[in-house]
């Protein structure tokens, strides 16, 4: 029997449902495979669409969400195998995905590309074996700061799920002028957070070459330039960051509403409490700091009406530890968008105005 469509790029799609559903919920994005399929169809023909997972566990036992996901899978012609956990420590769905992918590779040699929707490196042995068989790998993961960098490097093509959805509209608020001090941030910019929501870094790469480790002063300038462009404002100093943490944490402690509070509203209330006649911080700047903490999973969240503006129910960690997580998230995004840049503790400590040993520990933790 002749191989069908042998002159085309044939793609097999395999989805780790639990991995992506949980990641999408954590970053306040809808779980919808239509944009994924649309992007893949630009590359070739989807000859197989399979998903595996424990849907109850993935949906956190939300029956309405589960029903919506089942319909979404059906509408996108994705065959789904609902596999409950055998034990708390063994994910049978992962094993089923690996077995089916390898069986497909051997049974249907005309399939040249394997698209794998996941975000961790558990699938590296599968990827390595598929590459040995001459297959090309398309990785699809949640967002730059949630995907293991080794997993990204192992793929021939990588797509960030977050890049498949439009960013939120710009919110521009007029701000009163203030004196230029280290404690003042003025920025009439979009409320987009620190984390990269598109794969523009993958498409375009860093705007400049990697900093020269031998020129520490130039490294400090390059790091500052990057974070200023990313935040659309100067990086807050340590005392201002601490004010944001303490004020936002206090507001969440006062919150008694089970429905939570939108991140944008929390940012506005935080800025209002912090502001004084002599020092004014823009609500949009506070949003960027708190959004970065949200991406670092500091908050317990509910669904929001808009992507990237989740409803915050409470803090999962006390404010005393937030600064370490804020810095770590900044460095994760920096490395995700500029993998060739060195993370030098000395210059980075100067940029964040913090202890060099703390930066070194964070970098070591990221490398591990």
Protein backbone atom coordinates (compact mmCIF):
# COMPACT_ATOMS: atom_id res chain seq x y z
CA UNK A 1 0.00 0.00 0.00
CA UNK A 2 1.55 3.35 -0.99
CA UNK A 3 2.29 5.89 1.72
CA UNK A 4 -0.43 8.57 1.69
CA UNK A 5 0.57 12.21 1.32
CA UNK A 6 4.24 11.30 1.14
CA UNK A 7 4.99 14.60 -0.58
CA UNK A 8 3.60 16.64 2.33
CA UNK A 9 4.65 17.40 5.87
CA UNK A 10 2.57 15.06 8.02
CA UNK A 11 2.26 15.92 11.70
CA UNK A 12 1.14 13.78 14.65
CA UNK A 13 -0.12 15.77 17.62
CA UNK A 14 0.24 14.33 21.14
CA UNK A 15 -1.09 16.27 24.13
CA UNK A 16 -0.35 15.88 27.83
CA UNK A 17 -3.72 17.22 28.99
CA UNK A 18 -2.91 17.62 32.67
CA UNK A 19 0.32 19.45 31.95
CA UNK A 20 -1.23 22.05 29.67
CA UNK A 21 -4.56 22.48 31.47
CA UNK A 22 -2.84 23.21 34.76
CA UNK A 23 -0.32 25.55 33.14
CA UNK A 24 -3.07 27.44 31.28
CA UNK A 25 -5.10 27.86 34.46
CA UNK A 26 -2.03 29.10 36.32
CA UNK A 27 -1.38 31.82 33.73
CA UNK A 28 -5.08 32.72 33.33
CA UNK A 29 -5.41 31.58 29.72
CA UNK A 30 -8.29 29.64 28.20
CA UNK A 31 -7.75 25.95 27.47
CA UNK A 32 -8.43 25.84 23.76
CA UNK A 33 -6.54 23.75 21.22
CA UNK A 34 -8.03 25.53 18.20
CA UNK A 35 -5.14 28.08 18.06
CA UNK A 36 -2.62 25.24 18.47
CA UNK A 37 -4.14 23.32 15.58
CA UNK A 38 -4.36 26.45 13.44
CA UNK A 39 -0.63 27.10 13.94
CA UNK A 40 0.28 23.49 13.15
CA UNK A 41 -1.84 23.49 10.01
CA UNK A 42 0.36 26.30 8.73
CA UNK A 43 3.26 23.83 8.82
CA UNK A 44 1.61 20.76 7.31
CA UNK A 45 -1.20 18.23 7.52
CA UNK A 46 -2.34 16.94 10.92
CA UNK A 47 -2.71 13.22 10.37
CA UNK A 48 -3.17 12.29 14.04
CA UNK A 49 -4.53 14.12 17.07
CA UNK A 50 -4.31 12.39 20.46
CA UNK A 51 -4.59 13.59 24.05
CA UNK A 52 -3.98 11.72 27.31
CA UNK A 53 -4.59 12.54 30.95
CA UNK A 54 -6.70 12.38 34.08
CA UNK A 55 -9.28 15.04 33.25
CA UNK A 56 -10.71 15.23 36.77
CA UNK A 57 -7.24 15.87 38.20
CA UNK A 58 -6.41 18.37 35.46
CA UNK A 59 -9.65 20.32 36.05
CA UNK A 60 -9.24 20.18 39.83
CA UNK A 61 -12.61 18.37 39.97
CA UNK A 62 -14.45 21.32 38.43
CA UNK A 63 -17.32 19.57 36.65
CA UNK A 64 -18.27 22.55 34.47
CA UNK A 65 -14.66 22.99 33.32
CA UNK A 66 -14.42 19.27 32.62
CA UNK A 67 -17.55 19.34 30.46
CA UNK A 68 -16.22 22.33 28.52
CA UNK A 69 -12.89 20.63 27.89
CA UNK A 70 -14.54 17.45 26.63
CA UNK A 71 -16.58 19.48 24.14
CA UNK A 72 -13.48 21.45 23.07
CA UNK A 73 -11.60 18.21 22.39
CA UNK A 74 -14.53 16.85 20.38
CA UNK A 75 -14.88 20.02 18.31
CA UNK A 76 -11.16 19.96 17.47
CA UNK A 77 -11.28 16.28 16.42
CA UNK A 78 -8.86 15.26 19.17
CA UNK A 79 -9.07 11.68 20.35
CA UNK A 80 -8.87 11.71 24.13
CA UNK A 81 -7.93 8.87 26.46
CA UNK A 82 -9.05 9.72 30.00
CA UNK A 83 -6.64 7.86 32.28
CA UNK A 84 -6.94 8.17 36.07
CA UNK A 85 -3.82 8.05 38.20
CA UNK A 86 -2.91 4.54 39.31
CA UNK A 87 -1.25 6.02 42.40
CA UNK A 88 -0.38 9.51 43.53
CA UNK A 89 3.19 8.99 42.30
CA UNK A 90 2.73 7.41 38.87
CA UNK A 91 1.17 9.21 35.94
CA UNK A 92 -0.06 6.43 33.67
CA UNK A 93 -1.12 8.97 31.05
CA UNK A 94 2.52 9.98 30.47
CA UNK A 95 3.42 6.37 29.83
CA UNK A 96 0.50 5.90 27.44
CA UNK A 97 1.51 9.00 25.49
CA UNK A 98 5.08 7.73 25.11
CA UNK A 99 3.96 4.27 24.02
CA UNK A 100 1.51 5.64 21.45
CA UNK A 101 4.04 8.13 20.07
CA UNK A 102 6.69 5.45 19.57
CA UNK A 103 4.17 3.03 18.06
CA UNK A 104 3.13 5.77 15.63
CA UNK A 105 6.72 6.48 14.68
CA UNK A 106 7.33 2.84 13.74
CA UNK A 107 3.90 2.12 12.22
CA UNK A 108 3.48 5.24 10.10
CA UNK A 109 6.90 6.17 8.71
CA UNK A 110 5.39 8.86 6.46
CA UNK A 111 4.71 10.98 9.58
CA UNK A 112 7.71 13.28 9.67
CA UNK A 113 6.86 15.67 12.50
CA UNK A 114 5.71 15.01 16.06
CA UNK A 115 4.06 17.91 17.91
CA UNK A 116 4.26 17.43 21.68
CA UNK A 117 2.16 19.63 23.98
CA UNK A 118 3.86 19.62 27.39
CA UNK A 119 6.13 21.84 29.47
CA UNK A 120 8.63 19.63 31.28
CA UNK A 121 11.62 17.47 30.51
CA UNK A 122 10.00 14.15 31.39
CA UNK A 123 9.59 13.56 27.67
CA UNK A 124 13.25 14.03 26.76
CA UNK A 125 13.85 10.27 26.32
CA UNK A 126 10.90 10.14 23.92
CA UNK A 127 12.16 13.16 22.02
CA UNK A 128 15.65 11.69 21.73
CA UNK A 129 14.30 8.41 20.38
CA UNK A 130 12.07 10.17 17.84
CA UNK A 131 15.04 12.20 16.66
CA UNK A 132 17.05 8.98 16.23
CA UNK A 133 14.24 7.76 13.99
CA UNK A 134 14.62 10.86 11.82
CA UNK A 135 11.57 12.72 13.12
CA UNK A 136 11.37 16.46 13.69
CA UNK A 137 9.98 17.69 16.99
CA UNK A 138 7.56 20.59 17.46
CA UNK A 139 7.37 21.50 21.15
CA UNK A 140 4.41 23.42 22.54
CA UNK A 141 4.64 24.71 26.12
CA UNK A 142 2.75 27.16 28.26
CA UNK A 143 4.96 30.28 28.43
CA UNK A 144 8.65 31.25 28.49
CA UNK A 145 8.86 31.31 32.28
CA UNK A 146 7.05 28.00 32.87
CA UNK A 147 8.76 25.74 30.32
CA UNK A 148 11.94 23.85 31.16
CA UNK A 149 14.73 25.37 28.99
CA UNK A 150 16.22 21.94 28.27
CA UNK A 151 12.90 20.87 26.81
CA UNK A 152 12.90 23.94 24.56
CA UNK A 153 16.42 23.22 23.31
CA UNK A 154 15.57 19.62 22.51
CA UNK A 155 12.89 20.63 19.99
CA UNK A 156 13.43 21.63 16.36
CA UNK A 157 10.60 24.17 16.61
CA UNK A 158 9.10 25.57 19.78
CA UNK A 159 5.81 27.43 20.21
CA UNK A 160 4.71 29.10 23.43
CA UNK A 161 1.01 28.49 24.06
CA UNK A 162 0.70 31.99 25.53
CA UNK A 163 1.78 33.48 22.17
CA UNK A 164 -1.32 32.05 20.48
CA UNK A 165 -3.68 34.41 22.34
CA UNK A 166 -3.95 38.18 21.98
CA UNK A 167 -2.53 40.34 24.77
CA UNK A 168 -4.92 42.41 26.90
CA UNK A 169 -5.80 45.91 25.70
CA UNK A 170 -3.65 48.79 26.83
CA UNK A 171 -4.76 50.63 29.93
CA UNK A 172 -3.41 54.15 29.98
CA UNK A 173 -3.97 56.27 33.03
CA UNK A 174 -2.84 59.89 33.45
CA UNK A 175 -0.46 60.27 36.32
CA UNK A 176 0.40 63.33 38.35
CA UNK A 177 4.01 64.55 38.00
CA UNK A 178 6.41 63.71 40.79
CA UNK A 179 9.96 64.40 41.83
CA UNK A 180 12.63 62.19 40.29
CA UNK A 181 13.68 59.93 43.14
CA UNK A 182 14.51 56.27 43.41
CA UNK A 183 11.11 55.75 45.02
CA UNK A 184 9.10 57.17 42.09
CA UNK A 185 7.89 55.31 39.05
CA UNK A 186 5.93 57.17 36.37
CA UNK A 187 4.74 55.13 33.40
CA UNK A 188 1.64 55.64 31.23
CA UNK A 189 2.11 52.29 29.56
CA UNK A 190 0.26 49.05 28.97
CA UNK A 191 -0.38 46.88 32.00
CA UNK A 192 1.31 43.95 30.36
CA UNK A 193 3.41 42.15 32.96
CA UNK A 194 7.01 41.14 33.01
CA UNK A 195 6.53 37.63 31.58
CA UNK A 196 6.78 37.28 27.81
CA UNK A 197 3.35 36.55 26.36
CA UNK A 198 4.50 35.89 22.81
CA UNK A 199 7.20 33.93 21.14
CA UNK A 200 8.71 37.06 19.58
CA UNK A 201 11.99 36.18 21.26
CA UNK A 202 11.98 32.91 19.36
CA UNK A 203 11.17 34.71 16.11
CA UNK A 204 13.41 37.72 16.43
CA UNK A 205 16.00 36.85 19.07
CA UNK A 206 17.54 39.45 21.40
CA UNK A 207 17.86 42.94 20.03
CA UNK A 208 21.57 43.04 20.82
CA UNK A 209 24.42 40.63 21.30
CA UNK A 210 25.16 38.99 24.62
CA UNK A 211 26.87 41.19 27.25
CA UNK A 212 30.62 40.78 27.52
CA UNK A 213 31.33 39.18 30.94
CA UNK A 214 34.70 40.93 31.04
CA UNK A 215 33.04 44.36 30.97
CA UNK A 216 30.97 44.39 34.15
CA UNK A 217 29.86 48.01 33.79
CA UNK A 218 28.52 47.31 30.30
CA UNK A 219 26.70 44.26 31.65
CA UNK A 220 24.95 46.39 34.27
CA UNK A 221 23.84 48.81 31.56
CA UNK A 222 22.62 46.03 29.28
CA UNK A 223 20.64 44.35 32.06
CA UNK A 224 19.05 47.68 33.04
CA UNK A 225 18.19 48.43 29.43
CA UNK A 226 16.52 45.03 29.05
CA UNK A 227 14.36 45.31 32.18
CA UNK A 228 13.41 48.91 31.40
CA UNK A 229 12.19 47.85 27.97
CA UNK A 230 10.39 44.84 29.41
CA UNK A 231 8.69 46.67 32.26
CA UNK A 232 8.15 49.89 30.29
CA UNK A 233 9.57 51.73 33.32
CA UNK A 234 12.64 51.77 35.53
CA UNK A 235 13.12 48.74 37.74
CA UNK A 236 11.76 49.59 41.23
CA UNK A 237 14.32 49.96 43.99
CA UNK A 238 14.32 47.51 46.94
CA UNK A 239 12.52 49.80 49.40
CA UNK A 240 9.78 50.55 46.88
CA UNK A 241 9.41 46.88 46.05
CA UNK A 242 9.05 46.12 49.75
CA UNK A 243 6.31 48.76 50.06
CA UNK A 244 4.45 47.12 47.18
CA UNK A 245 4.76 43.68 48.78
CA UNK A 246 3.66 44.79 52.24
CA UNK A 247 0.76 46.90 50.96
CA UNK A 248 -0.57 44.27 48.56
CA UNK A 249 -0.14 41.57 51.19
CA UNK A 250 -2.06 43.67 53.71
CA UNK A 251 -4.89 44.23 51.25
CA UNK A 252 -5.17 40.52 50.54
CA UNK A 253 -5.20 39.79 54.28
CA UNK A 254 -8.14 42.19 54.64
CA UNK A 255 -9.99 40.61 51.73
CA UNK A 256 -13.04 38.64 52.85
CA UNK A 257 -14.66 38.16 49.44
CA UNK A 258 -14.65 34.56 48.18
CA UNK A 259 -14.76 35.92 44.62
CA UNK A 260 -11.33 37.44 45.11
CA UNK A 261 -10.04 40.66 43.56
CA UNK A 262 -8.79 41.29 40.04
CA UNK A 263 -5.05 41.82 39.78
CA UNK A 264 -5.54 45.22 38.12
CA UNK A 265 -7.80 46.35 40.97
CA UNK A 266 -5.35 45.08 43.56
CA UNK A 267 -2.61 47.04 41.80
CA UNK A 268 -4.70 50.21 41.80
CA UNK A 269 -5.54 49.93 45.50
CA UNK A 270 -1.89 49.19 46.30
CA UNK A 271 -0.70 52.27 44.41
CA UNK A 272 -3.35 54.44 46.11
CA UNK A 273 -2.19 53.39 49.57
CA UNK A 274 1.48 53.87 48.76
CA UNK A 275 1.23 57.25 47.04
CA UNK A 276 2.06 60.44 48.87
CA UNK A 277 2.17 64.04 47.55
CA UNK A 278 5.97 63.83 47.26
CA UNK A 279 6.23 60.39 45.69
CA UNK A 280 3.74 58.90 43.26
CA UNK A 281 3.90 55.45 41.77
CA UNK A 282 1.86 54.57 38.69
CA UNK A 283 -0.76 51.84 39.10
CA UNK A 284 0.49 50.24 35.89
CA UNK A 285 3.98 49.94 37.38
CA UNK A 286 2.62 48.24 40.50
CA UNK A 287 0.68 45.91 38.21
CA UNK A 288 3.89 44.77 36.54
CA UNK A 289 5.53 43.90 39.84
CA UNK A 290 2.45 42.03 41.10
CA UNK A 291 1.96 40.33 37.75
CA UNK A 292 5.49 39.00 37.94
CA UNK A 293 4.72 37.64 41.40
CA UNK A 294 1.56 36.05 40.05
CA UNK A 295 3.65 34.30 37.39
CA UNK A 296 5.93 33.13 40.21
CA UNK A 297 2.84 31.51 41.81
CA UNK A 298 2.81 33.74 44.87
CA UNK A 299 -0.99 34.04 44.70
CA UNK A 300 -3.90 31.62 44.73
CA UNK A 301 -6.08 32.66 41.84
CA UNK A 302 -9.51 32.24 40.27
CA UNK A 303 -10.55 32.81 36.68
CA UNK A 304 -10.66 36.43 35.55
CA UNK A 305 -12.78 38.00 32.84
CA UNK A 306 -9.71 38.85 30.77
CA UNK A 307 -6.51 36.91 30.14
CA UNK A 308 -3.56 38.17 32.18
CA UNK A 309 -5.88 39.75 34.74
CA UNK A 310 -6.77 36.89 37.10
CA UNK A 311 -8.79 37.19 40.27
CA UNK A 312 -6.56 36.89 43.32
CA UNK A 313 -8.07 35.11 46.31
CA UNK A 314 -5.12 35.12 48.70
CA UNK A 315 -1.35 34.97 48.96
CA UNK A 316 0.18 31.53 49.19
CA UNK A 317 3.39 32.90 50.73
CA UNK A 318 4.10 35.76 53.18
CA UNK A 319 5.38 39.03 51.67
CA UNK A 320 8.78 38.54 53.32
CA UNK A 321 9.74 36.04 50.61
CA UNK A 322 8.26 37.83 47.61
CA UNK A 323 11.35 39.75 46.55
CA UNK A 324 13.37 36.59 45.93
CA UNK A 325 10.56 35.25 43.74
CA UNK A 326 10.21 38.56 41.90
CA UNK A 327 13.92 38.60 41.07
CA UNK A 328 13.89 34.95 40.09
CA UNK A 329 10.98 35.48 37.69
CA UNK A 330 12.80 38.43 36.13
CA UNK A 331 15.86 36.27 35.55
CA UNK A 332 13.81 33.35 34.20
CA UNK A 333 12.25 35.62 31.59
CA UNK A 334 15.62 37.21 30.77
CA UNK A 335 17.16 33.78 30.19
CA UNK A 336 14.12 32.57 28.24
CA UNK A 337 14.35 35.44 25.79
CA UNK A 338 18.15 35.67 25.73
CA UNK A 339 19.56 32.18 26.28
CA UNK A 340 23.07 33.30 25.25
CA UNK A 341 23.28 36.01 27.89
CA UNK A 342 25.33 35.16 30.99
CA UNK A 343 23.62 35.72 34.35
CA UNK A 344 26.38 37.44 36.29
CA UNK A 345 25.61 37.78 40.04
CA UNK A 346 27.67 40.94 40.54
CA UNK A 347 26.10 43.13 37.83
CA UNK A 348 22.62 41.71 38.49
CA UNK A 349 22.96 42.45 42.20
CA UNK A 350 23.74 46.06 41.27
CA UNK A 351 20.71 46.25 38.97
CA UNK A 352 18.31 44.85 41.61
CA UNK A 353 20.17 46.62 44.45
CA UNK A 354 20.35 43.43 46.46
CA UNK A 355 22.85 40.95 47.86
CA UNK A 356 25.16 39.27 45.35
CA UNK A 357 24.96 35.98 47.24
CA UNK A 358 21.17 36.00 46.81
CA UNK A 359 21.53 36.42 43.04
CA UNK A 360 24.11 33.63 42.94
CA UNK A 361 21.75 31.28 44.80
CA UNK A 362 18.88 32.11 42.46
CA UNK A 363 21.03 31.50 39.37
CA UNK A 364 22.32 28.23 40.82
CA UNK A 365 18.75 27.13 41.51
CA UNK A 366 17.78 27.93 37.91
CA UNK A 367 20.75 25.96 36.58
CA UNK A 368 19.81 22.96 38.68
